[in-house]
């Protein structure tokens, strides 16, 4: 088991989250925290109700995604977003999103393989 804060610190540094920052309110980094411990990690391109349901079935503690939950501006918490947040909270799933940092990272970024 490892602490969520240790994983977030390492990932923030590796993906240069602070250097890249947030773009048009696409929040990069930890979007939802859990109780603080991680034993099982999951990954997906997009977070969705289906992805969170599957993560809960597999006892995932931290889900790392390219496209997180929070985008331009404040969003009302209803419908799909409400269900997604509820799934994360009820199953103690932390969510880490890294959109632009994964787009531009020189080693693991989406565009690194195009060069």
N, C-alpha and C. Protein backbone atom coordinates (compact mmCIF):
# COMPACT_ATOMS: atom_id res chain seq x y z
N UNK A 1 0.85 -1.17 0.00
CA UNK A 1 0.00 0.00 0.00
C UNK A 1 0.90 1.24 0.00
N UNK A 2 0.47 2.26 -0.74
CA UNK A 2 1.22 3.51 -0.81
C UNK A 2 0.24 4.65 -0.58
N UNK A 3 0.74 5.75 -0.10
CA UNK A 3 -0.16 6.87 0.16
C UNK A 3 -0.52 7.59 -1.14
N UNK A 4 -1.74 8.06 -1.18
CA UNK A 4 -2.21 8.83 -2.33
C UNK A 4 -1.32 10.06 -2.52
N UNK A 5 -0.94 10.71 -1.45
CA UNK A 5 -0.12 11.92 -1.56
C UNK A 5 1.24 11.63 -2.19
N UNK A 6 1.83 10.46 -1.91
CA UNK A 6 3.11 10.10 -2.54
C UNK A 6 2.95 9.90 -4.04
N UNK A 7 1.88 9.23 -4.45
CA UNK A 7 1.63 9.00 -5.88
C UNK A 7 1.36 10.33 -6.58
N UNK A 8 0.55 11.17 -5.97
CA UNK A 8 0.22 12.47 -6.57
C UNK A 8 1.46 13.33 -6.69
N UNK A 9 2.28 13.36 -5.67
CA UNK A 9 3.51 14.15 -5.70
C UNK A 9 4.43 13.69 -6.83
N UNK A 10 4.64 12.37 -6.93
CA UNK A 10 5.49 11.83 -7.98
C UNK A 10 4.91 12.14 -9.37
N UNK A 11 3.62 11.90 -9.54
CA UNK A 11 2.99 12.09 -10.85
C UNK A 11 2.97 13.56 -11.24
N UNK A 12 2.68 14.44 -10.28
CA UNK A 12 2.72 15.88 -10.56
C UNK A 12 4.10 16.29 -11.06
N UNK A 13 5.15 15.80 -10.40
CA UNK A 13 6.52 16.14 -10.81
C UNK A 13 6.85 15.55 -12.18
N UNK A 14 6.53 14.28 -12.37
CA UNK A 14 6.86 13.60 -13.63
C UNK A 14 6.15 14.25 -14.82
N UNK A 15 4.88 14.60 -14.65
CA UNK A 15 4.11 15.19 -15.75
C UNK A 15 4.21 16.72 -15.79
N UNK A 16 4.96 17.29 -14.86
CA UNK A 16 5.17 18.74 -14.79
C UNK A 16 3.84 19.50 -14.69
N UNK A 17 2.98 19.02 -13.81
CA UNK A 17 1.64 19.60 -13.65
C UNK A 17 1.70 21.09 -13.33
N UNK A 18 2.59 21.49 -12.43
CA UNK A 18 2.66 22.90 -12.04
C UNK A 18 3.13 23.78 -13.19
N UNK A 19 4.04 23.27 -14.01
CA UNK A 19 4.53 24.04 -15.15
C UNK A 19 3.45 24.23 -16.20
N UNK A 20 2.70 23.19 -16.45
CA UNK A 20 1.67 23.24 -17.49
C UNK A 20 0.45 24.00 -17.00
N UNK A 21 0.05 23.76 -15.77
CA UNK A 21 -1.12 24.43 -15.21
C UNK A 21 -2.42 23.91 -15.80
N UNK A 22 -3.50 24.59 -15.47
CA UNK A 22 -4.82 24.22 -15.98
C UNK A 22 -5.11 25.05 -17.21
N UNK A 23 -5.81 24.47 -18.14
CA UNK A 23 -6.12 25.14 -19.39
C UNK A 23 -7.62 25.18 -19.56
N UNK A 24 -8.17 26.36 -19.75
CA UNK A 24 -9.62 26.51 -19.90
C UNK A 24 -10.39 25.72 -18.85
N UNK A 25 -9.90 25.78 -17.63
CA UNK A 25 -10.53 25.10 -16.50
C UNK A 25 -10.53 23.58 -16.61
N UNK A 26 -9.73 23.02 -17.51
CA UNK A 26 -9.54 21.56 -17.52
C UNK A 26 -8.53 21.29 -16.41
N UNK A 27 -9.02 20.86 -15.28
CA UNK A 27 -8.17 20.69 -14.11
C UNK A 27 -7.21 19.53 -14.28
N UNK A 28 -5.94 19.80 -14.10
CA UNK A 28 -4.90 18.77 -14.18
C UNK A 28 -4.42 18.45 -12.78
N UNK A 29 -4.24 17.16 -12.53
CA UNK A 29 -3.79 16.71 -11.22
C UNK A 29 -4.91 16.01 -10.49
N UNK A 30 -4.82 15.99 -9.17
CA UNK A 30 -5.80 15.30 -8.35
C UNK A 30 -7.13 16.05 -8.39
N UNK A 31 -8.17 15.38 -8.87
CA UNK A 31 -9.49 15.99 -8.96
C UNK A 31 -10.41 15.55 -7.83
N UNK A 32 -10.27 14.31 -7.40
CA UNK A 32 -11.04 13.79 -6.27
C UNK A 32 -10.07 13.00 -5.39
N UNK A 33 -10.07 13.29 -4.11
CA UNK A 33 -9.21 12.51 -3.22
C UNK A 33 -10.02 11.37 -2.59
N UNK A 34 -9.30 10.35 -2.16
CA UNK A 34 -9.94 9.26 -1.42
C UNK A 34 -9.49 9.35 0.03
N UNK A 35 -9.60 8.25 0.76
CA UNK A 35 -9.21 8.26 2.18
C UNK A 35 -7.70 8.35 2.38
N UNK A 36 -6.94 8.25 1.31
CA UNK A 36 -5.50 8.50 1.41
C UNK A 36 -4.58 7.33 1.13
N UNK A 37 -5.12 6.14 0.90
CA UNK A 37 -4.28 4.97 0.63
C UNK A 37 -4.62 4.37 -0.73
N UNK A 38 -3.60 3.82 -1.40
CA UNK A 38 -3.80 3.21 -2.71
C UNK A 38 -3.16 1.82 -2.71
N UNK A 39 -3.96 0.83 -3.04
CA UNK A 39 -3.44 -0.53 -3.22
C UNK A 39 -3.66 -1.00 -4.65
N UNK A 40 -4.63 -0.39 -5.33
CA UNK A 40 -4.91 -0.80 -6.71
C UNK A 40 -5.17 0.45 -7.55
N UNK A 41 -4.48 0.50 -8.69
CA UNK A 41 -4.53 1.64 -9.59
C UNK A 41 -5.24 1.22 -10.87
N UNK A 42 -6.04 2.12 -11.43
CA UNK A 42 -6.68 1.89 -12.72
C UNK A 42 -6.37 3.05 -13.64
N UNK A 43 -6.52 2.82 -14.94
CA UNK A 43 -6.27 3.88 -15.93
C UNK A 43 -7.32 3.82 -17.02
N UNK A 44 -7.66 4.98 -17.56
CA UNK A 44 -8.63 5.07 -18.65
C UNK A 44 -8.36 6.36 -19.41
N UNK A 45 -8.86 6.42 -20.62
CA UNK A 45 -8.75 7.66 -21.39
C UNK A 45 -9.73 8.68 -20.84
N UNK A 46 -10.98 8.28 -20.68
CA UNK A 46 -12.04 9.16 -20.19
C UNK A 46 -12.64 8.60 -18.92
N UNK A 47 -13.02 9.47 -18.02
CA UNK A 47 -13.79 9.02 -16.86
C UNK A 47 -15.26 9.08 -17.25
N UNK A 48 -15.98 8.04 -16.91
CA UNK A 48 -17.41 7.96 -17.21
C UNK A 48 -18.07 7.12 -16.12
N UNK A 49 -19.38 7.09 -16.14
CA UNK A 49 -20.09 6.25 -15.18
C UNK A 49 -19.69 4.80 -15.37
N UNK A 50 -19.56 4.37 -16.60
CA UNK A 50 -19.16 2.99 -16.89
C UNK A 50 -17.76 2.69 -16.35
N UNK A 51 -16.83 3.59 -16.58
CA UNK A 51 -15.45 3.41 -16.10
C UNK A 51 -15.41 3.37 -14.57
N UNK A 52 -16.13 4.27 -13.93
CA UNK A 52 -16.14 4.28 -12.46
C UNK A 52 -16.83 3.04 -11.89
N UNK A 53 -17.87 2.56 -12.56
CA UNK A 53 -18.54 1.33 -12.12
C UNK A 53 -17.57 0.16 -12.20
N UNK A 54 -16.84 0.07 -13.30
CA UNK A 54 -15.85 -1.01 -13.47
C UNK A 54 -14.72 -0.87 -12.45
N UNK A 55 -14.28 0.35 -12.22
CA UNK A 55 -13.23 0.59 -11.22
C UNK A 55 -13.69 0.13 -9.83
N UNK A 56 -14.94 0.41 -9.51
CA UNK A 56 -15.48 -0.01 -8.22
C UNK A 56 -15.53 -1.53 -8.11
N UNK A 57 -15.93 -2.20 -9.19
CA UNK A 57 -15.98 -3.67 -9.20
C UNK A 57 -14.60 -4.27 -8.97
N UNK A 58 -13.57 -3.58 -9.48
CA UNK A 58 -12.20 -4.09 -9.40
C UNK A 58 -11.44 -3.55 -8.18
N UNK A 59 -12.16 -2.87 -7.30
CA UNK A 59 -11.56 -2.32 -6.07
C UNK A 59 -10.40 -1.36 -6.34
N UNK A 60 -10.54 -0.55 -7.37
CA UNK A 60 -9.53 0.46 -7.70
C UNK A 60 -9.61 1.59 -6.67
N UNK A 61 -8.46 2.01 -6.18
CA UNK A 61 -8.38 3.12 -5.22
C UNK A 61 -8.06 4.45 -5.89
N UNK A 62 -7.35 4.37 -7.01
CA UNK A 62 -6.94 5.57 -7.74
C UNK A 62 -7.12 5.31 -9.22
N UNK A 63 -7.87 6.18 -9.87
CA UNK A 63 -8.09 6.10 -11.31
C UNK A 63 -7.36 7.27 -11.95
N UNK A 64 -6.45 6.96 -12.87
CA UNK A 64 -5.71 8.00 -13.60
C UNK A 64 -6.27 8.05 -15.01
N UNK A 65 -6.67 9.25 -15.43
CA UNK A 65 -7.31 9.41 -16.74
C UNK A 65 -6.69 10.58 -17.51
N UNK A 66 -6.87 10.52 -18.82
CA UNK A 66 -6.45 11.63 -19.68
C UNK A 66 -7.49 12.75 -19.62
N UNK A 67 -8.75 12.40 -19.74
CA UNK A 67 -9.85 13.37 -19.70
C UNK A 67 -10.60 13.22 -18.38
N UNK A 68 -10.41 14.16 -17.48
CA UNK A 68 -11.04 14.11 -16.16
C UNK A 68 -12.50 14.54 -16.16
N UNK A 69 -13.00 14.79 -14.99
CA UNK A 69 -14.41 15.15 -14.82
C UNK A 69 -14.70 16.63 -15.03
N UNK A 70 -13.73 17.48 -14.77
CA UNK A 70 -14.03 18.91 -14.70
C UNK A 70 -13.45 19.67 -15.89
N UNK A 71 -14.35 20.34 -16.61
CA UNK A 71 -14.01 21.07 -17.83
C UNK A 71 -14.46 22.51 -17.70
N UNK A 72 -14.63 23.22 -18.81
CA UNK A 72 -14.86 24.67 -18.75
C UNK A 72 -15.91 25.12 -17.73
N UNK A 73 -15.47 25.99 -16.85
CA UNK A 73 -16.37 26.62 -15.89
C UNK A 73 -16.93 25.68 -14.83
N UNK A 74 -17.69 26.26 -13.95
CA UNK A 74 -18.36 25.47 -12.92
C UNK A 74 -19.51 24.71 -13.55
N UNK A 75 -19.71 23.50 -13.07
CA UNK A 75 -20.78 22.66 -13.60
C UNK A 75 -21.74 22.31 -12.48
N UNK A 76 -23.04 22.30 -12.78
CA UNK A 76 -23.98 21.84 -11.75
C UNK A 76 -23.79 20.35 -11.51
N UNK A 77 -23.93 19.95 -10.28
CA UNK A 77 -23.75 18.54 -9.93
C UNK A 77 -25.11 17.85 -10.03
N UNK A 78 -25.38 17.34 -11.22
CA UNK A 78 -26.63 16.63 -11.48
C UNK A 78 -26.39 15.63 -12.60
N UNK A 79 -27.34 14.77 -12.82
CA UNK A 79 -27.30 13.76 -13.88
C UNK A 79 -26.03 12.92 -13.81
N UNK A 80 -25.32 12.85 -14.95
CA UNK A 80 -24.13 11.98 -15.04
C UNK A 80 -23.05 12.39 -14.06
N UNK A 81 -22.78 13.68 -13.94
CA UNK A 81 -21.73 14.13 -13.02
C UNK A 81 -22.07 13.74 -11.58
N UNK A 82 -23.32 13.87 -11.21
CA UNK A 82 -23.74 13.47 -9.86
C UNK A 82 -23.50 11.99 -9.64
N UNK A 83 -23.87 11.16 -10.60
CA UNK A 83 -23.67 9.71 -10.47
C UNK A 83 -22.19 9.37 -10.40
N UNK A 84 -21.39 10.05 -11.21
CA UNK A 84 -19.95 9.78 -11.22
C UNK A 84 -19.31 10.16 -9.89
N UNK A 85 -19.65 11.31 -9.37
CA UNK A 85 -19.11 11.72 -8.07
C UNK A 85 -19.58 10.77 -6.97
N UNK A 86 -20.83 10.37 -7.03
CA UNK A 86 -21.37 9.45 -6.03
C UNK A 86 -20.62 8.11 -6.07
N UNK A 87 -20.37 7.59 -7.26
CA UNK A 87 -19.61 6.34 -7.39
C UNK A 87 -18.21 6.48 -6.80
N UNK A 88 -17.56 7.59 -7.10
CA UNK A 88 -16.20 7.81 -6.58
C UNK A 88 -16.22 7.90 -5.06
N UNK A 89 -17.14 8.67 -4.50
CA UNK A 89 -17.20 8.84 -3.05
C UNK A 89 -17.58 7.55 -2.34
N UNK A 90 -18.62 6.87 -2.84
CA UNK A 90 -19.10 5.65 -2.17
C UNK A 90 -18.06 4.53 -2.21
N UNK A 91 -17.21 4.53 -3.23
CA UNK A 91 -16.23 3.45 -3.39
C UNK A 91 -14.81 3.90 -3.07
N UNK A 92 -14.68 5.09 -2.51
CA UNK A 92 -13.39 5.62 -2.08
C UNK A 92 -12.36 5.61 -3.21
N UNK A 93 -12.79 6.08 -4.39
CA UNK A 93 -11.93 6.13 -5.57
C UNK A 93 -11.41 7.55 -5.75
N UNK A 94 -10.10 7.71 -5.74
CA UNK A 94 -9.49 8.99 -6.06
C UNK A 94 -9.40 9.10 -7.58
N UNK A 95 -9.44 10.34 -8.09
CA UNK A 95 -9.37 10.57 -9.53
C UNK A 95 -8.26 11.58 -9.83
N UNK A 96 -7.39 11.20 -10.75
CA UNK A 96 -6.29 12.05 -11.18
C UNK A 96 -6.41 12.22 -12.69
N UNK A 97 -6.51 13.45 -13.15
CA UNK A 97 -6.61 13.72 -14.58
C UNK A 97 -5.43 14.55 -15.06
N UNK A 98 -4.96 14.24 -16.26
CA UNK A 98 -3.83 14.99 -16.82
C UNK A 98 -4.04 15.13 -18.32
N UNK A 99 -4.76 16.17 -18.72
CA UNK A 99 -5.06 16.34 -20.14
C UNK A 99 -3.87 16.94 -20.89
N UNK A 100 -3.67 18.23 -20.75
CA UNK A 100 -2.58 18.89 -21.47
C UNK A 100 -1.20 18.33 -21.10
N UNK A 101 -0.93 18.02 -19.83
CA UNK A 101 0.39 17.45 -19.51
C UNK A 101 0.69 16.16 -20.26
N UNK A 102 -0.34 15.33 -20.50
CA UNK A 102 -0.11 14.11 -21.27
C UNK A 102 -0.03 14.40 -22.77
N UNK A 103 -0.68 15.45 -23.22
CA UNK A 103 -0.58 15.81 -24.63
C UNK A 103 0.85 16.23 -24.99
N UNK A 104 1.50 16.96 -24.09
CA UNK A 104 2.79 17.58 -24.46
C UNK A 104 4.02 16.93 -23.83
N UNK A 105 3.85 15.92 -23.00
CA UNK A 105 5.01 15.33 -22.33
C UNK A 105 5.97 14.73 -23.36
N UNK A 106 7.28 15.03 -23.28
CA UNK A 106 8.23 14.58 -24.30
C UNK A 106 8.50 13.08 -24.32
N UNK A 107 8.22 12.37 -23.23
CA UNK A 107 8.50 10.93 -23.21
C UNK A 107 7.25 10.07 -23.27
N UNK A 108 6.22 10.44 -22.54
CA UNK A 108 5.02 9.59 -22.47
C UNK A 108 3.79 10.28 -23.05
N UNK A 109 3.97 11.45 -23.62
CA UNK A 109 2.84 12.20 -24.16
C UNK A 109 2.28 11.59 -25.43
N UNK A 110 1.04 11.96 -25.71
CA UNK A 110 0.37 11.46 -26.91
C UNK A 110 1.13 11.80 -28.18
N UNK A 111 1.76 12.95 -28.19
CA UNK A 111 2.45 13.41 -29.39
C UNK A 111 3.91 12.96 -29.46
N UNK A 112 4.42 12.33 -28.42
CA UNK A 112 5.82 11.89 -28.41
C UNK A 112 6.10 10.87 -29.50
N UNK A 113 5.13 10.05 -29.81
CA UNK A 113 5.31 9.01 -30.82
C UNK A 113 5.16 9.53 -32.24
N UNK A 114 4.66 10.74 -32.42
CA UNK A 114 4.48 11.29 -33.75
C UNK A 114 5.78 11.79 -34.35
N UNK A 115 6.74 12.08 -33.50
CA UNK A 115 8.00 12.65 -33.97
C UNK A 115 8.92 11.57 -34.46
